[in-house]
Protein backbone atom coordinates (compact mmCIF):
# COMPACT_ATOMS: atom_id res chain seq x y z
CA UNK A 1 0.00 0.00 0.00
CA UNK A 2 1.29 3.49 -0.85
CA UNK A 3 0.18 6.83 0.53
CA UNK A 4 1.62 10.27 1.18
CA UNK A 5 1.27 10.30 4.98
CA UNK A 6 0.90 7.37 7.36
CA UNK A 7 -0.59 8.40 10.70
CA UNK A 8 0.08 6.03 13.60
CA UNK A 9 -2.67 6.32 16.19
CA UNK A 10 -6.41 6.70 15.70
CA UNK A 11 -7.31 8.80 18.72
CA UNK A 12 -8.48 12.41 18.40
CA UNK A 13 -5.06 13.73 17.35
CA UNK A 14 -4.57 11.18 14.56
CA UNK A 15 -8.13 11.55 13.30
CA UNK A 16 -7.97 15.34 13.42
CA UNK A 17 -4.77 15.35 11.38
CA UNK A 18 -6.21 12.85 8.92
CA UNK A 19 -9.25 15.07 8.32
CA UNK A 20 -7.12 18.18 7.86
CA UNK A 21 -4.95 16.44 5.27
CA UNK A 22 -7.86 14.85 3.40
CA UNK A 23 -9.61 18.24 3.30
CA UNK A 24 -6.62 19.44 1.25
CA UNK A 25 -6.63 16.37 -1.00
CA UNK A 26 -3.55 14.78 0.59
CA UNK A 27 -3.55 10.99 0.71
CA UNK A 28 -3.17 9.47 4.16
CA UNK A 29 -4.05 6.41 6.18
CA UNK A 30 -4.55 6.07 9.94
CA UNK A 31 -3.42 2.93 11.81
CA UNK A 32 -4.96 2.21 15.21
CA UNK A 33 -3.97 -0.68 17.48
CA UNK A 34 -7.33 -0.92 19.24
CA UNK A 35 -10.90 -1.33 18.01
CA UNK A 36 -13.06 1.69 17.33
CA UNK A 37 -15.27 0.83 20.31
CA UNK A 38 -12.24 0.73 22.58
CA UNK A 39 -11.10 4.16 21.39
CA UNK A 40 -14.55 5.59 22.11
CA UNK A 41 -14.61 3.95 25.53
CA UNK A 42 -11.56 5.84 26.81
CA UNK A 43 -12.55 8.47 29.37
CA UNK A 44 -10.45 11.57 28.83
CA UNK A 45 -10.49 15.35 28.89
CA UNK A 46 -13.51 17.53 28.44
CA UNK A 47 -12.33 21.17 28.25
CA UNK A 48 -11.62 22.51 24.75
CA UNK A 49 -9.50 25.56 24.01
CA UNK A 50 -10.14 27.88 21.09
CA UNK A 51 -7.51 26.11 18.95
CA UNK A 52 -9.36 22.79 19.20
CA UNK A 53 -12.79 24.28 18.58
CA UNK A 54 -11.47 26.28 15.61
CA UNK A 55 -10.09 23.13 13.96
CA UNK A 56 -13.48 21.42 14.26
CA UNK A 57 -15.14 24.51 12.77
CA UNK A 58 -12.61 24.55 9.92
CA UNK A 59 -13.48 20.93 9.14
CA UNK A 60 -17.23 21.55 9.33
CA UNK A 61 -17.54 19.05 12.18
CA UNK A 62 -18.79 21.43 14.86
CA UNK A 63 -22.58 20.92 14.63
CA UNK A 64 -22.90 18.68 17.68
CA UNK A 65 -20.20 20.58 19.53
CA UNK A 66 -22.21 23.78 19.07
CA UNK A 67 -25.45 22.09 20.10
CA UNK A 68 -24.17 20.13 23.12
CA UNK A 69 -20.94 21.86 24.18
CA UNK A 70 -21.14 24.20 27.14
CA UNK A 71 -19.18 27.47 26.87
CA UNK A 72 -17.48 28.42 30.14
CA UNK A 73 -16.55 32.04 30.73
CA UNK A 74 -14.63 31.37 33.95
CA UNK A 75 -13.42 28.90 36.56
CA UNK A 76 -12.62 29.01 40.26
CA UNK A 77 -9.65 28.44 42.54
CA UNK A 78 -10.52 27.48 46.11
CA UNK A 79 -8.32 27.48 49.22
CA UNK A 80 -10.68 25.98 51.79
CA UNK A 81 -12.13 29.33 52.79
CA UNK A 82 -13.10 31.11 49.56
CA UNK A 83 -13.66 30.79 45.85
CA UNK A 84 -11.47 32.95 43.62
CA UNK A 85 -13.25 33.27 40.27
CA UNK A 86 -11.11 33.80 37.17
CA UNK A 87 -13.40 35.59 34.71
CA UNK A 88 -11.84 34.57 31.41
CA UNK A 89 -14.45 36.31 29.30
CA UNK A 90 -14.09 39.66 31.04
CA UNK A 91 -10.30 39.47 31.29
CA UNK A 92 -9.46 38.20 27.80
CA UNK A 93 -12.66 38.12 25.74
CA UNK A 94 -12.26 34.35 25.36
CA UNK A 95 -13.76 31.20 26.82
CA UNK A 96 -13.41 27.41 26.80
CA UNK A 97 -16.01 24.81 25.84
CA UNK A 98 -16.83 21.76 27.93
CA UNK A 99 -17.30 18.89 25.46
CA UNK A 100 -16.04 15.41 26.22
CA UNK A 101 -13.07 14.02 24.29
CA UNK A 102 -15.17 10.92 23.65
CA UNK A 103 -17.78 13.03 21.86
CA UNK A 104 -15.18 14.90 19.81
CA UNK A 105 -13.62 11.57 18.81
CA UNK A 106 -17.05 10.26 17.84
CA UNK A 107 -17.61 13.28 15.59
CA UNK A 108 -14.27 12.68 13.88
CA UNK A 109 -14.88 8.94 13.47
CA UNK A 110 -18.34 9.33 12.01
CA UNK A 111 -17.08 11.79 9.39
CA UNK A 112 -14.30 9.52 8.08
CA UNK A 113 -16.35 7.91 5.34
CA UNK A 114 -17.58 11.21 3.88
CA UNK A 115 -14.04 12.54 3.72
CA UNK A 116 -12.60 9.24 2.43
CA UNK A 117 -10.28 9.00 5.41
CA UNK A 118 -9.15 5.39 5.76
CA UNK A 119 -8.70 4.13 9.31
CA UNK A 120 -7.36 0.63 9.93
CA UNK A 121 -8.36 -0.64 13.37
CA UNK A 122 -6.76 -3.59 15.16
CA UNK A 123 -3.42 -2.92 13.49
CA UNK A 124 -1.04 -4.66 15.90
CA UNK A 125 2.76 -4.80 16.11
CA UNK A 126 3.19 -1.49 14.29
CA UNK A 127 6.83 -0.82 13.40
CA UNK A 128 8.44 2.20 11.74
CA UNK A 129 11.26 1.75 9.22
CA UNK A 130 13.80 3.98 7.42
CA UNK A 131 12.54 7.15 9.11
CA UNK A 132 15.81 8.95 8.31
CA UNK A 133 15.17 8.50 4.58
CA UNK A 134 12.69 10.06 2.14
CA UNK A 135 11.04 6.67 1.69
CA UNK A 136 9.97 5.48 5.14
CA UNK A 137 7.46 2.71 5.60
CA UNK A 138 5.34 1.19 8.33
CA UNK A 139 4.56 -2.47 8.90
CA UNK A 140 1.78 -3.93 11.01
CA UNK A 141 -0.14 -7.15 11.55
CA UNK A 142 -3.82 -7.54 10.85
CA UNK A 143 -5.63 -10.85 10.82
CA UNK A 144 -2.30 -12.60 11.29
CA UNK A 145 -0.85 -11.20 8.06
CA UNK A 146 1.85 -8.55 7.81
CA UNK A 147 0.93 -5.39 5.94
CA UNK A 148 3.21 -2.65 4.65
CA UNK A 149 2.48 1.05 4.09
CA UNK A 150 4.96 3.03 2.01
CA UNK A 151 4.78 6.79 2.41
CA UNK A 152 6.67 10.08 2.35
CA UNK A 153 6.02 11.03 5.99
CA UNK A 154 4.99 9.22 9.15
CA UNK A 155 3.20 11.10 11.91
CA UNK A 156 3.20 9.50 15.36
CA UNK A 157 -0.04 10.25 17.20
CA UNK A 158 0.14 7.01 19.16
CA UNK A 159 0.48 8.24 22.71
CA UNK A 160 3.17 7.91 25.35
CA UNK A 161 3.49 4.11 25.04
CA UNK A 162 3.31 3.86 21.24
CA UNK A 163 6.15 2.84 18.90
CA UNK A 164 6.69 6.17 17.13
CA UNK A 165 8.80 8.01 19.70
CA UNK A 166 10.79 4.83 20.36
CA UNK A 167 11.86 4.81 16.71
CA UNK A 168 13.95 7.95 17.26
CA UNK A 169 17.55 7.12 18.27
CA UNK A 170 18.46 8.13 21.81
CA UNK A 171 21.53 9.88 20.46
CA UNK A 172 19.31 12.23 18.45
CA UNK A 173 16.89 13.22 21.21
CA UNK A 174 16.52 14.54 24.73
CA UNK A 175 13.88 13.80 27.36
CA UNK A 176 12.71 16.15 30.11
CA UNK A 177 10.61 14.68 32.90
CA UNK A 178 9.08 15.48 36.27
CA UNK A 179 7.11 12.76 38.05
CA UNK A 180 4.71 13.83 40.79
CA UNK A 181 4.34 11.97 44.10
CA UNK A 182 0.59 11.53 43.80
CA UNK A 183 -2.13 10.51 41.36
CA UNK A 184 -5.61 11.77 40.59
CA UNK A 185 -8.42 9.52 41.76
CA UNK A 186 -11.36 10.30 39.48
CA UNK A 187 -15.02 9.43 39.59
CA UNK A 188 -17.47 9.83 36.72
CA UNK A 189 -21.17 9.85 37.66
CA UNK A 190 -24.48 10.69 36.05
CA UNK A 191 -25.28 13.52 38.45
CA UNK A 192 -25.57 17.28 37.83
CA UNK A 193 -22.40 19.30 38.51
CA UNK A 194 -22.05 21.05 41.87
CA UNK A 195 -21.12 24.29 40.12
CA UNK A 196 -21.67 25.69 36.63
CA UNK A 197 -17.89 26.17 36.25
CA UNK A 198 -14.83 24.12 37.21
CA UNK A 199 -13.41 24.42 40.71
CA UNK A 200 -9.75 23.66 41.52
CA UNK A 201 -9.35 23.33 45.30
CA UNK A 202 -6.25 23.44 47.52
CA UNK A 203 -7.32 22.05 50.91
CA UNK A 204 -5.27 20.97 53.92
CA UNK A 205 -6.37 17.39 53.16
CA UNK A 206 -5.23 17.69 49.54
CA UNK A 207 -6.30 18.72 46.06
CA UNK A 208 -9.80 18.37 44.58
CA UNK A 209 -11.38 19.24 41.25
CA UNK A 210 -15.06 19.60 40.45
CA UNK A 211 -15.57 19.21 36.72
CA UNK A 212 -18.25 18.00 34.34
CA UNK A 213 -18.88 16.43 30.96
CA UNK A 214 -22.40 17.81 30.54
CA UNK A 215 -25.28 19.28 32.52
CA UNK A 216 -26.10 15.77 33.77
CA UNK A 217 -22.69 14.07 33.99
CA UNK A 218 -20.02 15.10 36.51
CA UNK A 219 -16.33 14.33 36.82
CA UNK A 220 -14.59 14.79 40.17
CA UNK A 221 -11.00 14.21 41.27
CA UNK A 222 -8.92 14.15 44.42
CA UNK A 223 -5.20 13.57 44.71
CA UNK A 224 -4.08 10.42 46.54
CA UNK A 225 -0.70 8.78 47.22
CA UNK A 226 0.45 6.49 44.43
CA UNK A 227 0.56 3.65 46.94
CA UNK A 228 -3.24 3.67 47.24
CA UNK A 229 -5.68 1.73 45.07
CA UNK A 230 -9.19 2.35 43.79
CA UNK A 231 -10.46 -0.45 46.06
CA UNK A 232 -9.53 1.66 49.08
CA UNK A 233 -11.99 4.32 47.94
CA UNK A 234 -15.60 3.08 47.86
CA UNK A 235 -18.00 5.62 46.42
CA UNK A 236 -19.28 6.93 49.75
CA UNK A 237 -15.77 7.57 51.09
CA UNK A 238 -14.83 9.43 47.93
CA UNK A 239 -17.95 11.61 48.01
CA UNK A 240 -17.28 12.43 51.67
CA UNK A 241 -13.71 13.43 50.89
CA UNK A 242 -14.78 15.59 47.96
CA UNK A 243 -17.25 17.44 50.18
CA UNK A 244 -14.49 18.18 52.70
CA UNK A 245 -11.88 19.33 50.18
CA UNK A 246 -14.21 21.45 48.04
CA UNK A 247 -15.30 23.33 51.13
CA UNK A 248 -18.49 24.31 52.96
CA UNK A 249 -19.75 26.65 50.23
CA UNK A 250 -19.64 23.90 47.60
CA UNK A 251 -20.41 20.73 49.59
CA UNK A 252 -24.20 21.31 49.87
CA UNK A 253 -24.43 21.44 46.07
CA UNK A 254 -22.77 18.07 45.46
CA UNK A 255 -25.18 15.42 44.18
CA UNK A 256 -23.95 11.91 44.91
CA UNK A 257 -24.41 8.88 42.67
CA UNK A 258 -22.88 5.55 41.73
CA UNK A 259 -19.60 5.63 39.82
CA UNK A 260 -19.76 4.95 36.10
CA UNK A 261 -15.96 4.86 36.09
CA UNK A 262 -13.33 5.24 38.78
CA UNK A 263 -9.57 5.17 38.32
CA UNK A 264 -6.26 6.58 39.54
CA UNK A 265 -4.02 8.34 37.02
CA UNK A 266 -0.38 9.18 37.83
CA UNK A 267 0.80 12.71 37.07
CA UNK A 268 3.92 13.67 35.14
CA UNK A 269 5.39 16.48 33.11
CA UNK A 270 7.32 15.16 30.11
CA UNK A 271 8.78 16.61 26.92
CA UNK A 272 10.62 14.77 24.14
CA UNK A 273 12.71 16.87 21.78
CA UNK A 274 12.95 17.28 18.90
CA UNK A 275 9.43 16.49 17.71
CA UNK A 276 10.69 15.65 14.23
CA UNK A 277 13.37 13.21 13.15
CA UNK A 278 13.88 12.71 9.43
CA UNK A 279 10.53 11.81 7.92
CA UNK A 280 8.85 11.27 11.29
CA UNK A 281 6.79 13.93 13.05
CA UNK A 282 5.43 13.45 16.58
CA UNK A 283 2.15 14.88 17.88
CA UNK A 284 0.40 14.87 21.23
CA UNK A 285 1.25 12.42 24.00
CA UNK A 286 3.83 10.74 21.77
CA UNK A 287 5.99 13.83 22.37
CA UNK A 288 4.79 15.32 25.65
CA UNK A 289 2.66 14.76 28.72
CA UNK A 290 1.20 17.46 30.95
CA UNK A 291 -0.47 17.06 34.33
CA UNK A 292 -4.24 17.31 33.87
CA UNK A 293 -4.26 20.48 36.00
CA UNK A 294 -5.30 23.16 33.53
CA UNK A 295 -6.77 20.79 30.90
CA UNK A 296 -3.95 21.09 28.36
CA UNK A 297 -3.44 17.51 27.11
CA UNK A 298 -5.94 17.25 24.27
CA UNK A 299 -5.59 20.90 23.37
CA UNK A 300 -1.82 20.68 23.14
CA UNK A 301 -2.23 17.69 20.81
CA UNK A 302 -4.59 19.81 18.69
CA UNK A 303 -2.04 22.61 18.38
CA UNK A 304 0.62 20.05 17.36
CA UNK A 305 -1.76 18.77 14.71
CA UNK A 306 -2.37 22.33 13.51
CA UNK A 307 1.38 22.86 13.04
CA UNK A 308 1.92 19.40 11.50
CA UNK A 309 -0.94 19.86 9.02
CA UNK A 310 0.39 23.30 8.12
CA UNK A 311 3.85 21.85 7.46
CA UNK A 312 2.64 18.83 5.48
CA UNK A 313 0.23 20.85 3.36
CA UNK A 314 3.05 23.30 2.62
CA UNK A 315 5.31 20.43 1.58
CA UNK A 316 2.83 18.69 -0.72
CA UNK A 317 1.25 21.84 -2.16
CA UNK A 318 4.22 24.20 -2.48
CA UNK A 319 7.21 21.81 -2.08
CA UNK A 320 8.03 23.80 1.07
CA UNK A 321 10.77 21.91 2.89
CA UNK A 322 11.27 24.77 5.32
CA UNK A 323 7.83 24.20 6.87
CA UNK A 324 8.73 20.61 7.72
CA UNK A 325 12.11 21.69 9.09
CA UNK A 326 10.43 24.32 11.30
CA UNK A 327 7.74 22.02 12.70
CA UNK A 328 9.52 20.88 15.84
CA UNK A 329 10.69 24.32 16.98
CA UNK A 330 7.29 25.85 16.33
CA UNK A 331 5.41 23.12 18.17
CA UNK A 332 7.86 22.96 21.08
CA UNK A 333 7.61 26.71 21.69
CA UNK A 334 3.93 26.29 22.53
CA UNK A 335 4.47 22.95 24.29
CA UNK A 336 6.88 24.48 26.80
CA UNK A 337 4.52 27.35 27.58
CA UNK A 338 1.69 24.90 28.23
CA UNK A 339 3.99 22.69 30.29
CA UNK A 340 4.92 25.73 32.38
CA UNK A 341 1.29 26.61 33.06
CA UNK A 342 0.28 23.05 33.97
CA UNK A 343 3.35 22.66 36.19
CA UNK A 344 2.79 25.97 37.97
CA UNK A 345 -0.93 25.33 38.57
CA UNK A 346 -0.14 21.82 39.83
CA UNK A 347 2.43 23.23 42.26
CA UNK A 348 0.01 25.91 43.44
CA UNK A 349 -2.98 23.67 44.09
CA UNK A 350 -1.40 20.49 45.52
CA UNK A 351 0.23 19.69 48.85
CA UNK A 352 3.50 17.88 48.23
CA UNK A 353 4.84 15.37 50.81
CA UNK A 354 8.12 17.28 51.10
CA UNK A 355 6.38 20.63 51.64
CA UNK A 356 6.50 22.26 55.07
CA UNK A 357 5.07 25.44 56.58
CA UNK A 358 7.17 27.68 54.30
CA UNK A 359 5.88 26.11 51.06
CA UNK A 360 2.32 26.25 52.36
CA UNK A 361 2.74 29.93 53.24
CA UNK A 362 4.03 30.57 49.70
CA UNK A 363 0.96 28.88 48.20
CA UNK A 364 -1.31 30.98 50.38
CA UNK A 365 0.56 34.16 49.46
CA UNK A 366 0.22 33.31 45.76
CA UNK A 367 -3.52 32.67 46.11
CA UNK A 368 -3.91 35.96 48.01
CA UNK A 369 -2.06 37.76 45.23
CA UNK A 370 -4.21 36.16 42.54
CA UNK A 371 -7.37 37.08 44.44
CA UNK A 372 -6.36 40.77 44.55
CA UNK A 373 -4.53 41.25 41.24
CA UNK A 374 -6.22 41.70 37.89
CA UNK A 375 -2.84 41.26 36.19
CA UNK A 376 -2.33 37.85 37.84
CA UNK A 377 -5.86 36.76 36.96
CA UNK A 378 -5.36 37.90 33.35
CA UNK A 379 -2.17 35.85 33.01
CA UNK A 380 -3.98 32.76 34.32
CA UNK A 381 -6.98 33.39 32.05
CA UNK A 382 -4.78 33.83 28.95
CA UNK A 383 -3.09 30.51 29.59
CA UNK A 384 -6.28 28.67 30.48
CA UNK A 385 -8.17 29.60 27.29
CA UNK A 386 -5.07 28.67 25.31
CA UNK A 387 -2.20 30.70 23.90
CA UNK A 388 -2.42 31.58 20.20
CA UNK A 389 -1.00 29.22 17.57
């Protein structure tokens, strides 16, 4: 099989890139290790920045997003005694949209046939070959038979554990990493949210987040030591803890219900550079991981895809080699800014095991400053709605 671009990974990043390329008449194929149902079953982010929404609008795939997505003009920081509202709309003129990653992925999947975007599911044992040449190729197994895709470029959208990043020689790359000493224990439940906007809480017992996927489905988190398991947190205990950490003003508004899904996710900050090696480009979690504090993961993948599509379209339409060469630096400039914001918000809102009275006093001083400073609130708002691409 021959194509111009082989995309490894059929999650939202890979599908979004595939649609952008097909919209410009560029041949591509998407390889996904899992089934389509499995991809749709993954519970992920639900806050969309302007860059992500704009790409869906550009593709004409925003009808359901417009009908079901919930624009949010602000969010709150809580310190156990008060809610500090960051009014994004008033401070920047922008907003975010709450729309589950599952729903965005569904929109992209359902539009594949109309745009003649070929997606191969259950493509196992994917391997990348000759990525330092102009004639790379990808092999995979399907139905027990090996298949081969010859192409001009490979784009790795296959997540942190996929094969794409591993194909880059260690001598040609550098990794930056910060692992955090806790994980987020999350619960998804079909109950109305406790607040019409997200609340990030820093409490003496630990961090909590009140979020939502819709007006009738809520997503809550608390931080827990990595040594703990989901089994240690029956629903009732988790709801009790959320009520304590979110504070007395919020607790009466929490509606409890059985968990649809409950899991613990470790937190890390990670960047792999460069994001291009030869004929391989990396997008999304294949190149970087951010803590979920600040909702940057999916949106950062979308900005990578924006830059990658721009570079590939320039190459195939105008024979622009410079756009390909510039991809990594352009993408990494935005990646590092998003990493900084997620890292700083994580440090502000969590209690670290090694922290003592001084670190706690610094957190409180920072929250006091944010509460009283329009400039500080504007900086947070600008980063939260998403920096320009």
